[in-house]
Amino acid sequence: MSILEFFYCYMQTCSGSQLAESWGSLTGLLKDGMTLTPPAQFLMLAVLNEFVQKCPPLAEKKDMRDLQDVTAKVCRKCIYTQLVTLAFAVFCSVVLVMAYFV
């Protein structure tokens, strides 16, 4: 179990107000996590989802902009990973079909 998985499990036990208090640190974690491998990126999406589902609306406009920015980046990263995986699968299937007919 990675630290990120442990943190996600811990977040599930926290209240919304506790999560709201940790927004500054969570932003840093999510921004730093952009360089992690694909499984961790999907876990970051789950962490972000947990925060958004439980946390009351953020009061500061800067925090709202940061939330929107981080959400967009995490979603883009996950979508890119899925597209690359799909493209690779299509490429492999085309190669197999071509090899069959040769």
PDB file of N, CA and C in Angstrom:
ATOM      1  N   MET A   1       0.850  -1.177   0.000  1.00  0.00           N
ATOM      2  CA  MET A   1       0.000   0.000   0.000  1.00  0.00           C
ATOM      3  C   MET A   1       0.892   1.235   0.000  1.00  0.00           C
ATOM      4  N   SER A   2       0.660   2.122  -0.944  1.00  0.00           N
ATOM      5  CA  SER A   2       1.452   3.348  -1.031  1.00  0.00           C
ATOM      6  C   SER A   2       0.943   4.394  -0.035  1.00  0.00           C
ATOM      7  N   ILE A   3       1.736   5.408   0.159  1.00  0.00           N
ATOM      8  CA  ILE A   3       1.344   6.509   1.046  1.00  0.00           C
ATOM      9  C   ILE A   3       0.087   7.188   0.507  1.00  0.00           C
ATOM     10  N   LEU A   4      -0.002   7.311  -0.803  1.00  0.00           N
ATOM     11  CA  LEU A   4      -1.174   7.946  -1.408  1.00  0.00           C
ATOM     12  C   LEU A   4      -2.436   7.127  -1.133  1.00  0.00           C
ATOM     13  N   GLU A   5      -2.334   5.810  -1.209  1.00  0.00           N
ATOM     14  CA  GLU A   5      -3.481   4.948  -0.891  1.00  0.00           C
ATOM     15  C   GLU A   5      -3.864   5.084   0.580  1.00  0.00           C
ATOM     16  N   PHE A   6      -2.850   5.121   1.441  1.00  0.00           N
ATOM     17  CA  PHE A   6      -3.098   5.296   2.869  1.00  0.00           C
ATOM     18  C   PHE A   6      -3.799   6.628   3.128  1.00  0.00           C
ATOM     19  N   PHE A   7      -3.325   7.682   2.460  1.00  0.00           N
ATOM     20  CA  PHE A   7      -3.925   8.997   2.621  1.00  0.00           C
ATOM     21  C   PHE A   7      -5.374   9.001   2.146  1.00  0.00           C
ATOM     22  N   TYR A   8      -5.634   8.332   1.024  1.00  0.00           N
ATOM     23  CA  TYR A   8      -7.003   8.253   0.497  1.00  0.00           C
ATOM     24  C   TYR A   8      -7.919   7.560   1.501  1.00  0.00           C
ATOM     25  N   CYS A   9      -7.465   6.469   2.083  1.00  0.00           N
ATOM     26  CA  CYS A   9      -8.265   5.765   3.098  1.00  0.00           C
ATOM     27  C   CYS A   9      -8.487   6.656   4.317  1.00  0.00           C
ATOM     28  N   TYR A  10      -7.461   7.400   4.706  1.00  0.00           N
ATOM     29  CA  TYR A  10      -7.591   8.323   5.836  1.00  0.00           C
ATOM     30  C   TYR A  10      -8.615   9.419   5.524  1.00  0.00           C
ATOM     31  N   MET A  11      -8.579   9.938   4.294  1.00  0.00           N
ATOM     32  CA  MET A  11      -9.524  10.992   3.902  1.00  0.00           C
ATOM     33  C   MET A  11     -10.970  10.530   4.026  1.00  0.00           C
ATOM     34  N   GLN A  12     -11.211   9.264   3.782  1.00  0.00           N
ATOM     35  CA  GLN A  12     -12.568   8.739   3.847  1.00  0.00           C
ATOM     36  C   GLN A  12     -13.136   8.791   5.255  1.00  0.00           C
ATOM     37  N   THR A  13     -12.267   8.863   6.255  1.00  0.00           N
ATOM     38  CA  THR A  13     -12.722   8.922   7.638  1.00  0.00           C
ATOM     39  C   THR A  13     -12.840  10.357   8.167  1.00  0.00           C
ATOM     40  N   CYS A  14     -12.334  11.322   7.397  1.00  0.00           N
ATOM     41  CA  CYS A  14     -12.332  12.723   7.835  1.00  0.00           C
ATOM     42  C   CYS A  14     -13.668  13.396   7.534  1.00  0.00           C
ATOM     43  N   SER A  15     -13.956  14.406   8.323  1.00  0.00           N
ATOM     44  CA  SER A  15     -15.160  15.209   8.067  1.00  0.00           C
ATOM     45  C   SER A  15     -14.846  16.263   7.005  1.00  0.00           C
ATOM     46  N   GLY A  16     -15.882  16.859   6.479  1.00  0.00           N
ATOM     47  CA  GLY A  16     -15.708  17.897   5.481  1.00  0.00           C
ATOM     48  C   GLY A  16     -14.939  19.094   5.999  1.00  0.00           C
ATOM     49  N   SER A  17     -15.191  19.469   7.244  1.00  0.00           N
ATOM     50  CA  SER A  17     -14.486  20.627   7.808  1.00  0.00           C
ATOM     51  C   SER A  17     -12.992  20.332   7.988  1.00  0.00           C
ATOM     52  N   GLN A  18     -12.665  19.099   8.361  1.00  0.00           N
ATOM     53  CA  GLN A  18     -11.253  18.721   8.473  1.00  0.00           C
ATOM     54  C   GLN A  18     -10.572  18.789   7.115  1.00  0.00           C
ATOM     55  N   LEU A  19     -11.273  18.319   6.093  1.00  0.00           N
ATOM     56  CA  LEU A  19     -10.706  18.371   4.748  1.00  0.00           C
ATOM     57  C   LEU A  19     -10.530  19.803   4.271  1.00  0.00           C
ATOM     58  N   ALA A  20     -11.478  20.664   4.605  1.00  0.00           N
ATOM     59  CA  ALA A  20     -11.386  22.073   4.203  1.00  0.00           C
ATOM     60  C   ALA A  20     -10.160  22.734   4.828  1.00  0.00           C
ATOM     61  N   GLU A  21      -9.861  22.382   6.072  1.00  0.00           N
ATOM     62  CA  GLU A  21      -8.691  22.936   6.747  1.00  0.00           C
ATOM     63  C   GLU A  21      -7.388  22.490   6.097  1.00  0.00           C
ATOM     64  N   SER A  22      -7.405  21.334   5.451  1.00  0.00           N
ATOM     65  CA  SER A  22      -6.183  20.793   4.856  1.00  0.00           C
ATOM     66  C   SER A  22      -6.029  21.147   3.382  1.00  0.00           C
ATOM     67  N   TRP A  23      -6.873  22.053   2.870  1.00  0.00           N
ATOM     68  CA  TRP A  23      -6.870  22.355   1.442  1.00  0.00           C
ATOM     69  C   TRP A  23      -5.496  22.818   0.939  1.00  0.00           C
ATOM     70  N   GLY A  24      -4.820  23.656   1.678  1.00  0.00           N
ATOM     71  CA  GLY A  24      -3.513  24.158   1.249  1.00  0.00           C
ATOM     72  C   GLY A  24      -2.510  23.038   1.034  1.00  0.00           C
ATOM     73  N   SER A  25      -2.449  22.117   1.974  1.00  0.00           N
ATOM     74  CA  SER A  25      -1.529  20.983   1.853  1.00  0.00           C
ATOM     75  C   SER A  25      -1.961  20.032   0.745  1.00  0.00           C
ATOM     76  N   LEU A  26      -3.258  19.835   0.625  1.00  0.00           N
ATOM     77  CA  LEU A  26      -3.776  18.938  -0.406  1.00  0.00           C
ATOM     78  C   LEU A  26      -3.480  19.483  -1.796  1.00  0.00           C
ATOM     79  N   THR A  27      -3.558  20.793  -1.967  1.00  0.00           N
ATOM     80  CA  THR A  27      -3.224  21.415  -3.251  1.00  0.00           C
ATOM     81  C   THR A  27      -1.777  21.104  -3.628  1.00  0.00           C
ATOM     82  N   GLY A  28      -0.891  21.251  -2.670  1.00  0.00           N
ATOM     83  CA  GLY A  28       0.522  20.946  -2.913  1.00  0.00           C
ATOM     84  C   GLY A  28       0.730  19.496  -3.294  1.00  0.00           C
ATOM     85  N   LEU A  29       0.049  18.603  -2.595  1.00  0.00           N
ATOM     86  CA  LEU A  29       0.160  17.176  -2.898  1.00  0.00           C
ATOM     87  C   LEU A  29      -0.310  16.876  -4.315  1.00  0.00           C
ATOM     88  N   LEU A  30      -1.444  17.443  -4.695  1.00  0.00           N
ATOM     89  CA  LEU A  30      -1.994  17.185  -6.021  1.00  0.00           C
ATOM     90  C   LEU A  30      -1.118  17.785  -7.121  1.00  0.00           C
ATOM     91  N   LYS A  31      -0.567  18.955  -6.887  1.00  0.00           N
ATOM     92  CA  LYS A  31       0.322  19.566  -7.886  1.00  0.00           C
ATOM     93  C   LYS A  31       1.609  18.763  -8.030  1.00  0.00           C
ATOM     94  N   ASP A  32       2.173  18.316  -6.909  1.00  0.00           N
ATOM     95  CA  ASP A  32       3.393  17.509  -6.965  1.00  0.00           C
ATOM     96  C   ASP A  32       3.132  16.135  -7.574  1.00  0.00           C
ATOM     97  N   GLY A  33       1.913  15.645  -7.418  1.00  0.00           N
ATOM     98  CA  GLY A  33       1.576  14.317  -7.907  1.00  0.00           C
ATOM     99  C   GLY A  33       1.436  14.218  -9.409  1.00  0.00           C
ATOM    100  N   MET A  34       1.486  15.349 -10.108  1.00  0.00           N
ATOM    101  CA  MET A  34       1.357  15.331 -11.568  1.00  0.00           C
ATOM    102  C   MET A  34       2.485  14.550 -12.241  1.00  0.00           C
ATOM    103  N   THR A  35       3.598  14.383 -11.547  1.00  0.00           N
ATOM    104  CA  THR A  35       4.741  13.686 -12.138  1.00  0.00           C
ATOM    105  C   THR A  35       4.728  12.189 -11.841  1.00  0.00           C
ATOM    106  N   LEU A  36       3.757  11.721 -11.095  1.00  0.00           N
ATOM    107  CA  LEU A  36       3.709  10.309 -10.720  1.00  0.00           C
ATOM    108  C   LEU A  36       3.240   9.431 -11.881  1.00  0.00           C
ATOM    109  N   THR A  37       3.411   8.140 -11.719  1.00  0.00           N
ATOM    110  CA  THR A  37       3.017   7.181 -12.748  1.00  0.00           C
ATOM    111  C   THR A  37       1.493   7.080 -12.830  1.00  0.00           C
ATOM    112  N   PRO A  38       0.968   6.532 -13.939  1.00  0.00           N
ATOM    113  CA  PRO A  38      -0.484   6.484 -14.145  1.00  0.00           C
ATOM    114  C   PRO A  38      -1.322   5.888 -13.007  1.00  0.00           C
ATOM    115  N   PRO A  39      -0.949   4.796 -12.372  1.00  0.00           N
ATOM    116  CA  PRO A  39      -1.844   4.334 -11.293  1.00  0.00           C
ATOM    117  C   PRO A  39      -2.037   5.387 -10.196  1.00  0.00           C
ATOM    118  N   ALA A  40      -0.987   6.120  -9.892  1.00  0.00           N
ATOM    119  CA  ALA A  40      -1.080   7.154  -8.861  1.00  0.00           C
ATOM    120  C   ALA A  40      -1.932   8.326  -9.334  1.00  0.00           C
ATOM    121  N   GLN A  41      -1.911   8.604 -10.633  1.00  0.00           N
ATOM    122  CA  GLN A  41      -2.729   9.701 -11.157  1.00  0.00           C
ATOM    123  C   GLN A  41      -4.216   9.415 -10.965  1.00  0.00           C
ATOM    124  N   PHE A  42      -4.613   8.172 -11.162  1.00  0.00           N
ATOM    125  CA  PHE A  42      -6.015   7.823 -10.961  1.00  0.00           C
ATOM    126  C   PHE A  42      -6.374   7.855  -9.475  1.00  0.00           C
ATOM    127  N   LEU A  43      -5.432   7.521  -8.627  1.00  0.00           N
ATOM    128  CA  LEU A  43      -5.656   7.621  -7.189  1.00  0.00           C
ATOM    129  C   LEU A  43      -5.778   9.089  -6.769  1.00  0.00           C
ATOM    130  N   MET A  44      -5.000   9.954  -7.412  1.00  0.00           N
ATOM    131  CA  MET A  44      -5.128  11.390  -7.127  1.00  0.00           C
ATOM    132  C   MET A  44      -6.511  11.889  -7.536  1.00  0.00           C
ATOM    133  N   LEU A  45      -7.043  11.354  -8.616  1.00  0.00           N
ATOM    134  CA  LEU A  45      -8.397  11.717  -9.030  1.00  0.00           C
ATOM    135  C   LEU A  45      -9.409  11.272  -7.973  1.00  0.00           C
ATOM    136  N   ALA A  46      -9.195  10.100  -7.396  1.00  0.00           N
ATOM    137  CA  ALA A  46     -10.077   9.621  -6.330  1.00  0.00           C
ATOM    138  C   ALA A  46      -9.965  10.504  -5.082  1.00  0.00           C
ATOM    139  N   VAL A  47      -8.752  10.924  -4.756  1.00  0.00           N
ATOM    140  CA  VAL A  47      -8.540  11.833  -3.611  1.00  0.00           C
ATOM    141  C   VAL A  47      -9.265  13.153  -3.859  1.00  0.00           C
ATOM    142  N   LEU A  48      -9.117  13.677  -5.052  1.00  0.00           N
ATOM    143  CA  LEU A  48      -9.782  14.924  -5.405  1.00  0.00           C
ATOM    144  C   LEU A  48     -11.301  14.773  -5.346  1.00  0.00           C
ATOM    145  N   ASN A  49     -11.808  13.662  -5.821  1.00  0.00           N
ATOM    146  CA  ASN A  49     -13.247  13.401  -5.764  1.00  0.00           C
ATOM    147  C   ASN A  49     -13.736  13.345  -4.315  1.00  0.00           C
ATOM    148  N   GLU A  50     -12.993  12.681  -3.472  1.00  0.00           N
ATOM    149  CA  GLU A  50     -13.360  12.582  -2.052  1.00  0.00           C
ATOM    150  C   GLU A  50     -13.427  13.981  -1.426  1.00  0.00           C
ATOM    151  N   PHE A  51     -12.449  14.811  -1.766  1.00  0.00           N
ATOM    152  CA  PHE A  51     -12.432  16.175  -1.232  1.00  0.00           C
ATOM    153  C   PHE A  51     -13.658  16.951  -1.700  1.00  0.00           C
ATOM    154  N   VAL A  52     -13.941  16.904  -2.994  1.00  0.00           N
ATOM    155  CA  VAL A  52     -15.049  17.674  -3.561  1.00  0.00           C
ATOM    156  C   VAL A  52     -16.391  17.190  -3.016  1.00  0.00           C
ATOM    157  N   GLN A  53     -16.530  15.889  -2.813  1.00  0.00           N
ATOM    158  CA  GLN A  53     -17.794  15.340  -2.321  1.00  0.00           C
ATOM    159  C   GLN A  53     -18.059  15.726  -0.862  1.00  0.00           C
ATOM    160  N   LYS A  54     -17.009  15.764  -0.045  1.00  0.00           N
ATOM    161  CA  LYS A  54     -17.189  15.987   1.395  1.00  0.00           C
ATOM    162  C   LYS A  54     -17.052  17.431   1.837  1.00  0.00           C
ATOM    163  N   CYS A  55     -16.187  18.157   1.176  1.00  0.00           N
ATOM    164  CA  CYS A  55     -15.825  19.486   1.651  1.00  0.00           C
ATOM    165  C   CYS A  55     -16.918  20.508   1.337  1.00  0.00           C
ATOM    166  N   PRO A  56     -17.194  21.398   2.285  1.00  0.00           N
ATOM    167  CA  PRO A  56     -18.123  22.499   1.966  1.00  0.00           C
ATOM    168  C   PRO A  56     -17.458  23.413   0.936  1.00  0.00           C
ATOM    169  N   PRO A  57     -18.236  24.224   0.227  1.00  0.00           N
ATOM    170  CA  PRO A  57     -17.646  25.129  -0.773  1.00  0.00           C
ATOM    171  C   PRO A  57     -16.551  25.999  -0.160  1.00  0.00           C
ATOM    172  N   LEU A  58     -15.475  26.160  -0.910  1.00  0.00           N
ATOM    173  CA  LEU A  58     -14.358  26.960  -0.424  1.00  0.00           C
ATOM    174  C   LEU A  58     -14.747  28.438  -0.439  1.00  0.00           C
ATOM    175  N   ALA A  59     -14.360  29.147   0.603  1.00  0.00           N
ATOM    176  CA  ALA A  59     -14.768  30.544   0.760  1.00  0.00           C
ATOM    177  C   ALA A  59     -13.923  31.497  -0.080  1.00  0.00           C
ATOM    178  N   GLU A  60     -12.644  31.239  -0.179  1.00  0.00           N
ATOM    179  CA  GLU A  60     -11.731  32.132  -0.884  1.00  0.00           C
ATOM    180  C   GLU A  60     -11.794  31.893  -2.394  1.00  0.00           C
ATOM    181  N   LYS A  61     -11.833  32.985  -3.152  1.00  0.00           N
ATOM    182  CA  LYS A  61     -11.850  32.860  -4.614  1.00  0.00           C
ATOM    183  C   LYS A  61     -10.558  32.229  -5.131  1.00  0.00           C
ATOM    184  N   LYS A  62      -9.440  32.553  -4.485  1.00  0.00           N
ATOM    185  CA  LYS A  62      -8.159  31.969  -4.884  1.00  0.00           C
ATOM    186  C   LYS A  62      -8.193  30.456  -4.720  1.00  0.00           C
ATOM    187  N   ASP A  63      -8.776  29.986  -3.613  1.00  0.00           N
ATOM    188  CA  ASP A  63      -8.876  28.549  -3.382  1.00  0.00           C
ATOM    189  C   ASP A  63      -9.769  27.879  -4.429  1.00  0.00           C
ATOM    190  N   MET A  64     -10.835  28.560  -4.812  1.00  0.00           N
ATOM    191  CA  MET A  64     -11.723  28.012  -5.847  1.00  0.00           C
ATOM    192  C   MET A  64     -10.988  27.914  -7.185  1.00  0.00           C
ATOM    193  N   ARG A  65     -10.214  28.940  -7.523  1.00  0.00           N
ATOM    194  CA  ARG A  65      -9.434  28.902  -8.772  1.00  0.00           C
ATOM    195  C   ARG A  65      -8.409  27.784  -8.723  1.00  0.00           C
ATOM    196  N   ASP A  66      -7.754  27.619  -7.558  1.00  0.00           N
ATOM    197  CA  ASP A  66      -6.779  26.533  -7.410  1.00  0.00           C
ATOM    198  C   ASP A  66      -7.452  25.175  -7.567  1.00  0.00           C
ATOM    199  N   LEU A  67      -8.633  25.029  -6.984  1.00  0.00           N
ATOM    200  CA  LEU A  67      -9.377  23.770  -7.099  1.00  0.00           C
ATOM    201  C   LEU A  67      -9.728  23.483  -8.560  1.00  0.00           C
ATOM    202  N   GLN A  68     -10.195  24.498  -9.269  1.00  0.00           N
ATOM    203  CA  GLN A  68     -10.526  24.317 -10.681  1.00  0.00           C
ATOM    204  C   GLN A  68      -9.284  23.976 -11.497  1.00  0.00           C
ATOM    205  N   ASP A  69      -8.176  24.643 -11.205  1.00  0.00           N
ATOM    206  CA  ASP A  69      -6.928  24.397 -11.928  1.00  0.00           C
ATOM    207  C   ASP A  69      -6.417  22.979 -11.690  1.00  0.00           C
ATOM    208  N   VAL A  70      -6.379  22.583 -10.440  1.00  0.00           N
ATOM    209  CA  VAL A  70      -5.892  21.240 -10.101  1.00  0.00           C
ATOM    210  C   VAL A  70      -6.815  20.176 -10.685  1.00  0.00           C
ATOM    211  N   THR A  71      -8.119  20.400 -10.608  1.00  0.00           N
ATOM    212  CA  THR A  71      -9.079  19.442 -11.166  1.00  0.00           C
ATOM    213  C   THR A  71      -8.867  19.274 -12.663  1.00  0.00           C
ATOM    214  N   ALA A  72      -8.699  20.377 -13.369  1.00  0.00           N
ATOM    215  CA  ALA A  72      -8.474  20.316 -14.815  1.00  0.00           C
ATOM    216  C   ALA A  72      -7.191  19.566 -15.141  1.00  0.00           C
ATOM    217  N   LYS A  73      -6.130  19.830 -14.395  1.00  0.00           N
ATOM    218  CA  LYS A  73      -4.852  19.161 -14.665  1.00  0.00           C
ATOM    219  C   LYS A  73      -4.918  17.667 -14.383  1.00  0.00           C
ATOM    220  N   VAL A  74      -5.525  17.288 -13.272  1.00  0.00           N
ATOM    221  CA  VAL A  74      -5.626  15.864 -12.931  1.00  0.00           C
ATOM    222  C   VAL A  74      -6.492  15.139 -13.962  1.00  0.00           C
ATOM    223  N   CYS A  75      -7.606  15.741 -14.336  1.00  0.00           N
ATOM    224  CA  CYS A  75      -8.482  15.125 -15.346  1.00  0.00           C
ATOM    225  C   CYS A  75      -7.767  14.990 -16.683  1.00  0.00           C
ATOM    226  N   ARG A  76      -7.050  16.043 -17.092  1.00  0.00           N
ATOM    227  CA  ARG A  76      -6.302  15.978 -18.349  1.00  0.00           C
ATOM    228  C   ARG A  76      -5.268  14.862 -18.336  1.00  0.00           C
ATOM    229  N   LYS A  77      -4.578  14.723 -17.221  1.00  0.00           N
ATOM    230  CA  LYS A  77      -3.554  13.679 -17.085  1.00  0.00           C
ATOM    231  C   LYS A  77      -4.178  12.294 -17.203  1.00  0.00           C
ATOM    232  N   CYS A  78      -5.306  12.084 -16.542  1.00  0.00           N
ATOM    233  CA  CYS A  78      -5.978  10.779 -16.582  1.00  0.00           C
ATOM    234  C   CYS A  78      -6.523  10.485 -17.978  1.00  0.00           C
ATOM    235  N   ILE A  79      -7.099  11.487 -18.621  1.00  0.00           N
ATOM    236  CA  ILE A  79      -7.617  11.302 -19.980  1.00  0.00           C
ATOM    237  C   ILE A  79      -6.476  10.994 -20.939  1.00  0.00           C
ATOM    238  N   TYR A  80      -5.369  11.705 -20.817  1.00  0.00           N
ATOM    239  CA  TYR A  80      -4.215  11.446 -21.676  1.00  0.00           C
ATOM    240  C   TYR A  80      -3.711  10.020 -21.500  1.00  0.00           C
ATOM    241  N   THR A  81      -3.627   9.572 -20.262  1.00  0.00           N
ATOM    242  CA  THR A  81      -3.178   8.202 -19.994  1.00  0.00           C
ATOM    243  C   THR A  81      -4.110   7.192 -20.646  1.00  0.00           C
ATOM    244  N   GLN A  82      -5.404   7.412 -20.537  1.00  0.00           N
ATOM    245  CA  GLN A  82      -6.379   6.504 -21.150  1.00  0.00           C
ATOM    246  C   GLN A  82      -6.259   6.518 -22.672  1.00  0.00           C
ATOM    247  N   LEU A  83      -6.077   7.689 -23.274  1.00  0.00           N
ATOM    248  CA  LEU A  83      -5.949   7.781 -24.723  1.00  0.00           C
ATOM    249  C   LEU A  83      -4.696   7.086 -25.229  1.00  0.00           C
ATOM    250  N   VAL A  84      -3.597   7.247 -24.514  1.00  0.00           N
ATOM    251  CA  VAL A  84      -2.358   6.568 -24.907  1.00  0.00           C
ATOM    252  C   VAL A  84      -2.538   5.059 -24.819  1.00  0.00           C
ATOM    253  N   THR A  85      -3.176   4.591 -23.767  1.00  0.00           N
ATOM    254  CA  THR A  85      -3.424   3.156 -23.605  1.00  0.00           C
ATOM    255  C   THR A  85      -4.323   2.641 -24.720  1.00  0.00           C
ATOM    256  N   LEU A  86      -5.358   3.376 -25.040  1.00  0.00           N
ATOM    257  CA  LEU A  86      -6.268   2.981 -26.114  1.00  0.00           C
ATOM    258  C   LEU A  86      -5.554   2.970 -27.461  1.00  0.00           C
ATOM    259  N   ALA A  87      -4.758   3.991 -27.730  1.00  0.00           N
ATOM    260  CA  ALA A  87      -4.017   4.054 -28.994  1.00  0.00           C
ATOM    261  C   ALA A  87      -3.054   2.885 -29.109  1.00  0.00           C
ATOM    262  N   PHE A  88      -2.404   2.532 -28.031  1.00  0.00           N
ATOM    263  CA  PHE A  88      -1.480   1.399 -28.048  1.00  0.00           C
ATOM    264  C   PHE A  88      -2.231   0.095 -28.318  1.00  0.00           C
ATOM    265  N   ALA A  89      -3.397  -0.057 -27.713  1.00  0.00           N
ATOM    266  CA  ALA A  89      -4.194  -1.269 -27.930  1.00  0.00           C
ATOM    267  C   ALA A  89      -4.647  -1.362 -29.384  1.00  0.00           C
ATOM    268  N   VAL A  90      -5.041  -0.244 -29.968  1.00  0.00           N
ATOM    269  CA  VAL A  90      -5.454  -0.239 -31.380  1.00  0.00           C
ATOM    270  C   VAL A  90      -4.258  -0.573 -32.270  1.00  0.00           C
ATOM    271  N   PHE A  91      -3.112   0.017 -31.979  1.00  0.00           N
ATOM    272  CA  PHE A  91      -1.905  -0.265 -32.745  1.00  0.00           C
ATOM    273  C   PHE A  91      -1.563  -1.754 -32.695  1.00  0.00           C
ATOM    274  N   CYS A  92      -1.613  -2.335 -31.496  1.00  0.00           N
ATOM    275  CA  CYS A  92      -1.305  -3.759 -31.351  1.00  0.00           C
ATOM    276  C   CYS A  92      -2.289  -4.629 -32.127  1.00  0.00           C
ATOM    277  N   SER A  93      -3.554  -4.277 -32.110  1.00  0.00           N
ATOM    278  CA  SER A  93      -4.538  -5.076 -32.835  1.00  0.00           C
ATOM    279  C   SER A  93      -4.338  -4.955 -34.345  1.00  0.00           C
ATOM    280  N   VAL A  94      -3.952  -3.785 -34.832  1.00  0.00           N
ATOM    281  CA  VAL A  94      -3.672  -3.612 -36.262  1.00  0.00           C
ATOM    282  C   VAL A  94      -2.460  -4.440 -36.657  1.00  0.00           C
ATOM    283  N   VAL A  95      -1.441  -4.436 -35.831  1.00  0.00           N
ATOM    284  CA  VAL A  95      -0.248  -5.226 -36.111  1.00  0.00           C
ATOM    285  C   VAL A  95      -0.594  -6.712 -36.139  1.00  0.00           C
ATOM    286  N   LEU A  96      -1.420  -7.168 -35.224  1.00  0.00           N
ATOM    287  CA  LEU A  96      -1.810  -8.573 -35.205  1.00  0.00           C
ATOM    288  C   LEU A  96      -2.609  -8.940 -36.441  1.00  0.00           C
ATOM    289  N   VAL A  97      -3.489  -8.076 -36.871  1.00  0.00           N
ATOM    290  CA  VAL A  97      -4.280  -8.347 -38.078  1.00  0.00           C
ATOM    291  C   VAL A  97      -3.370  -8.392 -39.297  1.00  0.00           C
ATOM    292  N   MET A  98      -2.456  -7.455 -39.378  1.00  0.00           N
ATOM    293  CA  MET A  98      -1.517  -7.436 -40.514  1.00  0.00           C
ATOM    294  C   MET A  98      -0.650  -8.688 -40.516  1.00  0.00           C
ATOM    295  N   ALA A  99      -0.189  -9.121 -39.354  1.00  0.00           N
ATOM    296  CA  ALA A  99       0.645 -10.311 -39.254  1.00  0.00           C
ATOM    297  C   ALA A  99      -0.145 -11.551 -39.655  1.00  0.00           C
ATOM    298  N   TYR A 100      -1.402 -11.548 -39.383  1.00  0.00           N
ATOM    299  CA  TYR A 100      -2.266 -12.693 -39.738  1.00  0.00           C
ATOM    300  C   TYR A 100      -2.381 -12.855 -41.259  1.00  0.00           C
ATOM    301  N   PHE A 101      -2.506 -11.724 -41.962  1.00  0.00           N
ATOM    302  CA  PHE A 101      -2.679 -11.769 -43.397  1.00  0.00           C
ATOM    303  C   PHE A 101      -1.386 -11.872 -44.178  1.00  0.00           C
ATOM    304  N   VAL A 102      -0.259 -11.719 -43.542  1.00  0.00           N
ATOM    305  CA  VAL A 102       1.031 -11.799 -44.249  1.00  0.00           C
ATOM    306  C   VAL A 102       1.474 -13.211 -44.422  1.00  0.00           C
TER     307      VAL A 102
END
